[in-house]
């Protein structure tokens, strides 16, 4: 069955432009209009009238759902990505509301963002912090509500997401440290059941195995700089010291830095530190922090594009996936 993306591809325009032609938008050139209508005629594409009627009742509001957390710390990746999401959404005339949510249940009561989505008070959603089994994604698919995941959905082929190749990020980080001559490596991650941490952990373990090394430990629940600091103090007060610590999150790496200096050790002479995020602070810490870039701006651009196309066309569940390759930025903290 031909869908709006097929028409757009054949006409050499965006799905949003096809939608404008269908809705008789005057802000489309006559030449483009004729080309799109010709492709529609040739392919036999039929407009989903129900979806079209729903589109005409747009609210201009998008929800961004982040995970409920016991503490107030929201990682730098989230903060930066949300800023870029807001900027991209604004270009298309949307306003954004950030709301907490829980992957294990959808409340959908009158105080909850999912209730507002279901009852037509918002047009679509961006979902962060997906877990292996995520009830939010099942709910949105069943309700046919436009949404895009920043992360990964392991179980629904019809959901769309934008993600970093997190397996490769974990593999790349471990391999870089090994190639620099480090062999006693610990990896600090957030909660174990988030898909991002599952993938990074597996990549890390596979790289260690490839080089015939055993990781000292994969430490989970390192969800803030404070947790990273206290865990590093615990490690440094033990007899089994690492020569490198790989940290999922540059702000958490700052907690590791603090603990290492507090114990009178040097980076990287005594212990190397590698982060993930490549935040601006990485270049201004001392020593400068080696880190892996996640490209939050590019992720935000693609996420809003995918979500806007779903809202404009009414075609939810197309299963579009955009995966970015991580990029290692080598600085002083891992150089021997």
Protein backbone atom coordinates (compact mmCIF):
# COMPACT_ATOMS: atom_id res chain seq x y z
CA UNK A 1 0.00 0.00 0.00
CA UNK A 2 1.34 3.40 -1.00
CA UNK A 3 1.77 5.86 1.88
CA UNK A 4 2.53 9.55 2.05
CA UNK A 5 6.28 8.96 2.34
CA UNK A 6 6.25 7.04 -0.95
CA UNK A 7 4.45 9.95 -2.64
CA UNK A 8 6.95 12.42 -1.17
CA UNK A 9 9.93 10.37 -2.35
CA UNK A 10 8.58 10.00 -5.89
CA UNK A 11 7.70 13.70 -6.08
CA UNK A 12 11.04 14.78 -4.62
CA UNK A 13 9.48 16.69 -1.73
CA UNK A 14 8.94 16.21 1.99
CA UNK A 15 5.88 14.43 3.48
CA UNK A 16 4.96 17.78 5.03
CA UNK A 17 4.75 19.32 1.52
CA UNK A 18 2.55 16.44 0.32
CA UNK A 19 0.28 17.07 3.32
CA UNK A 20 0.07 20.76 2.42
CA UNK A 21 -0.93 19.91 -1.15
CA UNK A 22 -3.63 17.53 0.10
CA UNK A 23 -4.93 20.19 2.49
CA UNK A 24 -4.89 22.81 -0.28
CA UNK A 25 -2.37 25.00 1.48
CA UNK A 26 -1.77 28.18 -0.55
CA UNK A 27 1.90 28.30 0.48
CA UNK A 28 2.87 25.68 -2.12
CA UNK A 29 4.07 26.65 -5.59
CA UNK A 30 1.89 25.65 -8.53
CA UNK A 31 4.74 23.64 -10.04
CA UNK A 32 5.21 21.61 -6.84
CA UNK A 33 1.46 21.15 -6.44
CA UNK A 34 1.11 19.74 -9.95
CA UNK A 35 4.05 17.37 -9.47
CA UNK A 36 2.65 16.02 -6.19
CA UNK A 37 -0.87 15.64 -7.61
CA UNK A 38 0.53 13.80 -10.62
CA UNK A 39 2.34 11.30 -8.36
CA UNK A 40 -0.82 10.87 -6.27
CA UNK A 41 -2.78 10.12 -9.43
CA UNK A 42 -0.16 7.71 -10.81
CA UNK A 43 0.25 5.77 -7.57
CA UNK A 44 -3.41 5.69 -6.61
CA UNK A 45 -2.63 7.09 -3.16
CA UNK A 46 -5.73 7.62 -1.07
CA UNK A 47 -5.89 10.13 1.77
CA UNK A 48 -6.81 8.83 5.24
CA UNK A 49 -9.85 11.05 5.83
CA UNK A 50 -10.06 10.24 9.54
CA UNK A 51 -6.42 11.16 10.06
CA UNK A 52 -6.97 14.30 8.00
CA UNK A 53 -9.88 15.43 10.16
CA UNK A 54 -7.84 14.84 13.30
CA UNK A 55 -4.93 16.86 11.88
CA UNK A 56 -7.12 19.86 11.37
CA UNK A 57 -7.58 20.02 15.16
CA UNK A 58 -3.91 20.49 15.99
CA UNK A 59 -3.08 22.06 19.34
CA UNK A 60 0.52 23.00 18.58
CA UNK A 61 1.68 21.34 21.82
CA UNK A 62 4.22 18.53 22.18
CA UNK A 63 5.06 16.58 25.32
CA UNK A 64 8.59 15.48 26.19
CA UNK A 65 8.54 12.62 28.70
CA UNK A 66 11.58 11.95 30.86
CA UNK A 67 11.97 9.31 33.54
CA UNK A 68 10.74 9.81 37.08
CA UNK A 69 13.79 10.07 39.29
CA UNK A 70 14.28 9.90 43.02
CA UNK A 71 16.67 12.83 42.85
CA UNK A 72 16.49 16.08 40.93
CA UNK A 73 19.51 15.39 38.69
CA UNK A 74 18.73 15.33 34.97
CA UNK A 75 21.78 14.52 32.89
CA UNK A 76 23.49 17.02 30.63
CA UNK A 77 22.53 14.96 27.57
CA UNK A 78 18.85 15.39 28.47
CA UNK A 79 19.21 19.11 29.16
CA UNK A 80 21.06 19.85 25.92
CA UNK A 81 18.83 17.63 23.79
CA UNK A 82 15.66 19.18 25.24
CA UNK A 83 17.01 22.65 24.41
CA UNK A 84 17.56 21.57 20.79
CA UNK A 85 14.15 19.86 20.66
CA UNK A 86 12.53 23.07 21.81
CA UNK A 87 14.41 25.12 19.21
CA UNK A 88 13.41 22.76 16.37
CA UNK A 89 9.80 22.51 17.57
CA UNK A 90 9.55 26.30 17.74
CA UNK A 91 10.61 26.59 14.08
CA UNK A 92 7.53 24.53 13.16
CA UNK A 93 5.18 26.42 15.44
CA UNK A 94 5.04 23.96 18.33
CA UNK A 95 5.31 24.58 22.07
CA UNK A 96 6.87 21.96 24.34
CA UNK A 97 5.96 20.70 27.79
CA UNK A 98 8.44 18.52 29.72
CA UNK A 99 6.83 15.97 32.01
CA UNK A 100 7.98 13.05 34.13
CA UNK A 101 6.73 9.56 33.32
CA UNK A 102 7.25 5.96 34.31
CA UNK A 103 8.18 3.20 31.85
CA UNK A 104 6.44 0.62 34.02
CA UNK A 105 2.98 2.18 34.02
CA UNK A 106 0.88 4.86 32.34
CA UNK A 107 -1.34 6.74 34.76
CA UNK A 108 -3.46 8.55 32.19
CA UNK A 109 -5.36 10.45 34.88
CA UNK A 110 -6.33 14.10 34.54
CA UNK A 111 -3.04 15.28 36.04
CA UNK A 112 -0.89 13.23 33.67
CA UNK A 113 0.57 14.12 30.26
CA UNK A 114 -0.71 10.89 28.73
CA UNK A 115 -4.27 11.87 29.66
CA UNK A 116 -3.82 15.16 27.84
CA UNK A 117 -2.44 13.37 24.77
CA UNK A 118 -5.26 10.84 24.70
CA UNK A 119 -7.90 13.55 25.00
CA UNK A 120 -6.54 15.72 22.23
CA UNK A 121 -4.90 18.45 24.30
CA UNK A 122 -1.50 17.80 22.66
CA UNK A 123 -0.38 16.58 19.24
CA UNK A 124 2.45 14.14 20.01
CA UNK A 125 5.28 13.12 22.27
CA UNK A 126 9.02 12.61 22.51
CA UNK A 127 10.00 9.76 24.85
CA UNK A 128 13.31 9.55 26.73
CA UNK A 129 14.71 6.84 29.02
CA UNK A 130 13.22 3.69 27.52
CA UNK A 131 13.43 0.39 29.35
CA UNK A 132 13.46 -3.16 27.98
CA UNK A 133 9.71 -3.40 28.56
CA UNK A 134 8.19 0.07 28.30
CA UNK A 135 4.45 0.46 28.85
CA UNK A 136 4.48 4.03 27.53
CA UNK A 137 5.35 2.87 24.02
CA UNK A 138 2.69 0.15 23.99
CA UNK A 139 0.11 2.68 25.19
CA UNK A 140 0.94 5.28 22.53
CA UNK A 141 0.92 2.71 19.73
CA UNK A 142 -2.43 1.30 20.84
CA UNK A 143 -3.92 4.81 20.98
CA UNK A 144 -2.33 5.70 17.62
CA UNK A 145 -0.77 8.84 19.08
CA UNK A 146 2.22 10.33 17.19
CA UNK A 147 5.47 9.83 19.08
CA UNK A 148 9.19 9.36 18.61
CA UNK A 149 11.71 7.82 20.99
CA UNK A 150 15.12 9.27 21.73
CA UNK A 151 16.64 5.95 22.61
CA UNK A 152 15.55 2.49 21.54
CA UNK A 153 12.45 0.32 21.37
CA UNK A 154 13.42 -3.34 21.35
CA UNK A 155 9.97 -4.85 20.92
CA UNK A 156 7.76 -2.77 18.59
CA UNK A 157 8.81 -2.73 14.93
CA UNK A 158 6.29 0.03 14.18
CA UNK A 159 7.69 2.60 16.61
CA UNK A 160 10.10 5.28 15.37
CA UNK A 161 13.25 6.27 17.21
CA UNK A 162 16.44 8.32 17.02
CA UNK A 163 19.39 6.83 18.84
CA UNK A 164 23.14 6.66 19.27
CA UNK A 165 24.77 3.33 18.49
CA UNK A 166 25.27 2.75 22.21
CA UNK A 167 26.79 -0.69 21.76
CA UNK A 168 29.50 0.93 19.65
CA UNK A 169 29.95 3.70 22.24
CA UNK A 170 30.69 1.12 24.93
CA UNK A 171 32.96 -0.87 22.61
CA UNK A 172 34.79 2.22 21.35
CA UNK A 173 35.44 3.54 24.84
CA UNK A 174 36.86 0.28 26.14
CA UNK A 175 39.00 -0.24 23.05
CA UNK A 176 40.44 3.28 23.28
CA UNK A 177 41.49 2.73 26.89
CA UNK A 178 43.00 -0.68 26.06
CA UNK A 179 44.93 0.77 23.12
CA UNK A 180 46.31 3.44 25.45
CA UNK A 181 47.74 0.67 27.62
CA UNK A 182 45.10 0.44 30.36
CA UNK A 183 43.90 -3.00 31.43
CA UNK A 184 42.25 -2.67 34.88
CA UNK A 185 39.10 -0.84 33.79
CA UNK A 186 35.81 -0.15 35.56
CA UNK A 187 32.68 1.07 33.76
CA UNK A 188 30.14 3.26 35.59
CA UNK A 189 26.57 3.32 34.26
CA UNK A 190 23.09 4.41 35.33
CA UNK A 191 20.24 2.01 36.03
CA UNK A 192 20.75 -1.47 34.60
CA UNK A 193 17.33 -1.89 32.98
CA UNK A 194 17.53 1.12 30.67
CA UNK A 195 18.17 0.08 27.07
CA UNK A 196 21.01 2.60 26.64
CA UNK A 197 22.94 1.05 29.53
CA UNK A 198 22.28 -2.51 28.38
CA UNK A 199 23.81 -1.72 25.00
CA UNK A 200 26.78 0.25 26.35
CA UNK A 201 27.57 -2.46 28.87
CA UNK A 202 27.51 -5.19 26.23
CA UNK A 203 29.77 -3.21 23.92
CA UNK A 204 32.23 -2.62 26.75
CA UNK A 205 32.29 -6.29 27.75
CA UNK A 206 32.74 -7.47 24.16
CA UNK A 207 35.71 -5.11 23.64
CA UNK A 208 37.37 -6.38 26.82
CA UNK A 209 36.78 -9.97 25.70
CA UNK A 210 38.19 -9.24 22.24
CA UNK A 211 41.46 -8.17 23.84
CA UNK A 212 41.57 -11.06 26.30
CA UNK A 213 40.88 -8.88 29.33
CA UNK A 214 38.41 -9.17 32.19
CA UNK A 215 36.69 -5.97 33.34
CA UNK A 216 37.21 -5.12 36.99
CA UNK A 217 33.54 -4.27 37.31
CA UNK A 218 30.49 -2.76 35.63
CA UNK A 219 29.01 -0.48 38.27
CA UNK A 220 25.31 0.35 37.88
CA UNK A 221 23.08 2.95 39.58
CA UNK A 222 25.69 5.69 39.14
CA UNK A 223 22.95 8.19 38.35
CA UNK A 224 24.52 11.50 39.46
CA UNK A 225 27.90 13.19 40.05
CA UNK A 226 27.39 12.61 43.78
CA UNK A 227 26.94 8.86 43.26
CA UNK A 228 29.99 8.79 41.00
CA UNK A 229 32.03 10.58 43.64
CA UNK A 230 30.99 8.27 46.50
CA UNK A 231 31.52 5.13 44.41
CA UNK A 232 34.98 6.29 43.35
CA UNK A 233 35.93 7.03 46.97
CA UNK A 234 34.80 3.49 47.85
CA UNK A 235 36.92 2.08 45.01
CA UNK A 236 40.01 4.12 45.89
CA UNK A 237 39.79 3.08 49.54
CA UNK A 238 39.92 -0.58 48.52
CA UNK A 239 43.10 -2.51 47.71
CA UNK A 240 42.16 -3.30 44.12
CA UNK A 241 42.68 -0.03 42.24
CA UNK A 242 41.75 0.44 38.57
CA UNK A 243 44.06 2.18 36.13
CA UNK A 244 41.08 3.59 34.19
CA UNK A 245 37.44 4.49 34.88
CA UNK A 246 34.99 4.76 31.98
CA UNK A 247 31.94 6.85 32.99
CA UNK A 248 28.61 7.02 31.17
CA UNK A 249 28.06 10.78 31.43
CA UNK A 250 30.54 13.64 31.59
CA UNK A 251 28.91 15.32 34.59
CA UNK A 252 29.27 12.05 36.50
CA UNK A 253 32.90 11.98 35.39
CA UNK A 254 33.34 15.26 37.29
CA UNK A 255 32.39 13.36 40.45
CA UNK A 256 35.10 10.82 39.62
CA UNK A 257 37.62 13.64 39.10
CA UNK A 258 36.77 15.10 42.52
CA UNK A 259 37.29 11.78 44.30
CA UNK A 260 40.61 11.05 42.54
CA UNK A 261 42.03 14.45 43.47
CA UNK A 262 40.72 14.20 47.02
CA UNK A 263 42.74 11.02 47.49
CA UNK A 264 45.90 12.72 46.19
CA UNK A 265 46.05 10.87 42.88
CA UNK A 266 46.58 12.27 39.38
CA UNK A 267 44.69 11.95 36.10
CA UNK A 268 45.80 10.21 33.90
CA UNK A 269 49.11 9.31 35.61
CA UNK A 270 47.44 7.16 38.26
CA UNK A 271 43.94 6.69 36.84
CA UNK A 272 42.60 7.59 33.39
CA UNK A 273 39.02 8.86 33.04
CA UNK A 274 36.84 8.64 29.94
CA UNK A 275 33.32 10.09 29.68
CA UNK A 276 30.33 10.04 27.35
CA UNK A 277 28.50 13.22 26.20
CA UNK A 278 31.36 15.53 25.15
CA UNK A 279 29.80 18.49 26.96
CA UNK A 280 31.55 21.90 26.73
CA UNK A 281 32.95 21.43 30.24
CA UNK A 282 35.01 18.48 28.95
CA UNK A 283 37.35 20.93 27.21
CA UNK A 284 37.68 23.16 30.28
CA UNK A 285 38.19 20.55 33.01
CA UNK A 286 41.73 19.85 34.18
CA UNK A 287 43.03 17.74 32.68
CA UNK A 288 40.72 18.03 29.69
CA UNK A 289 38.30 15.11 29.58
CA UNK A 290 38.33 12.54 26.79
CA UNK A 291 34.72 11.84 25.86
CA UNK A 292 32.34 10.30 23.32
CA UNK A 293 30.02 12.65 21.43
CA UNK A 294 26.31 11.69 21.19
CA UNK A 295 25.29 14.48 18.75
CA UNK A 296 22.25 15.76 20.69
CA UNK A 297 21.50 18.54 18.20
CA UNK A 298 21.32 16.12 15.26
CA UNK A 299 19.16 13.76 17.32
CA UNK A 300 16.77 16.59 18.14
CA UNK A 301 16.48 17.69 14.51
CA UNK A 302 15.63 14.16 13.36
CA UNK A 303 13.25 13.51 16.25
CA UNK A 304 11.18 16.64 15.56
CA UNK A 305 11.18 15.92 11.82
CA UNK A 306 9.82 12.39 12.37
CA UNK A 307 7.24 13.55 14.91
CA UNK A 308 6.05 16.45 12.76
CA UNK A 309 5.60 14.13 9.77
CA UNK A 310 3.44 11.81 11.86
CA UNK A 311 1.31 14.72 13.10
CA UNK A 312 0.95 16.27 9.63
CA UNK A 313 0.18 13.04 7.79
CA UNK A 314 -1.68 11.11 10.48
CA UNK A 315 0.45 8.07 9.65
CA UNK A 316 1.64 6.69 12.98
CA UNK A 317 3.65 3.51 13.33
CA UNK A 318 5.93 3.73 10.28
CA UNK A 319 8.91 2.36 12.19
CA UNK A 320 11.50 4.91 11.05
CA UNK A 321 14.89 4.55 12.76
CA UNK A 322 17.82 6.97 12.66
CA UNK A 323 21.05 5.75 14.28
CA UNK A 324 24.09 7.98 14.81
CA UNK A 325 27.63 6.67 15.12
CA UNK A 326 29.49 7.83 18.24
CA UNK A 327 32.60 9.96 17.89
CA UNK A 328 35.55 9.73 20.28
CA UNK A 329 37.24 12.99 21.31
CA UNK A 330 40.66 12.15 22.78
CA UNK A 331 42.00 14.67 25.29
CA UNK A 332 44.42 14.67 28.21
CA UNK A 333 42.52 12.45 30.67
CA UNK A 334 43.28 9.20 28.79
CA UNK A 335 46.68 9.91 27.25
CA UNK A 336 49.62 8.08 28.79
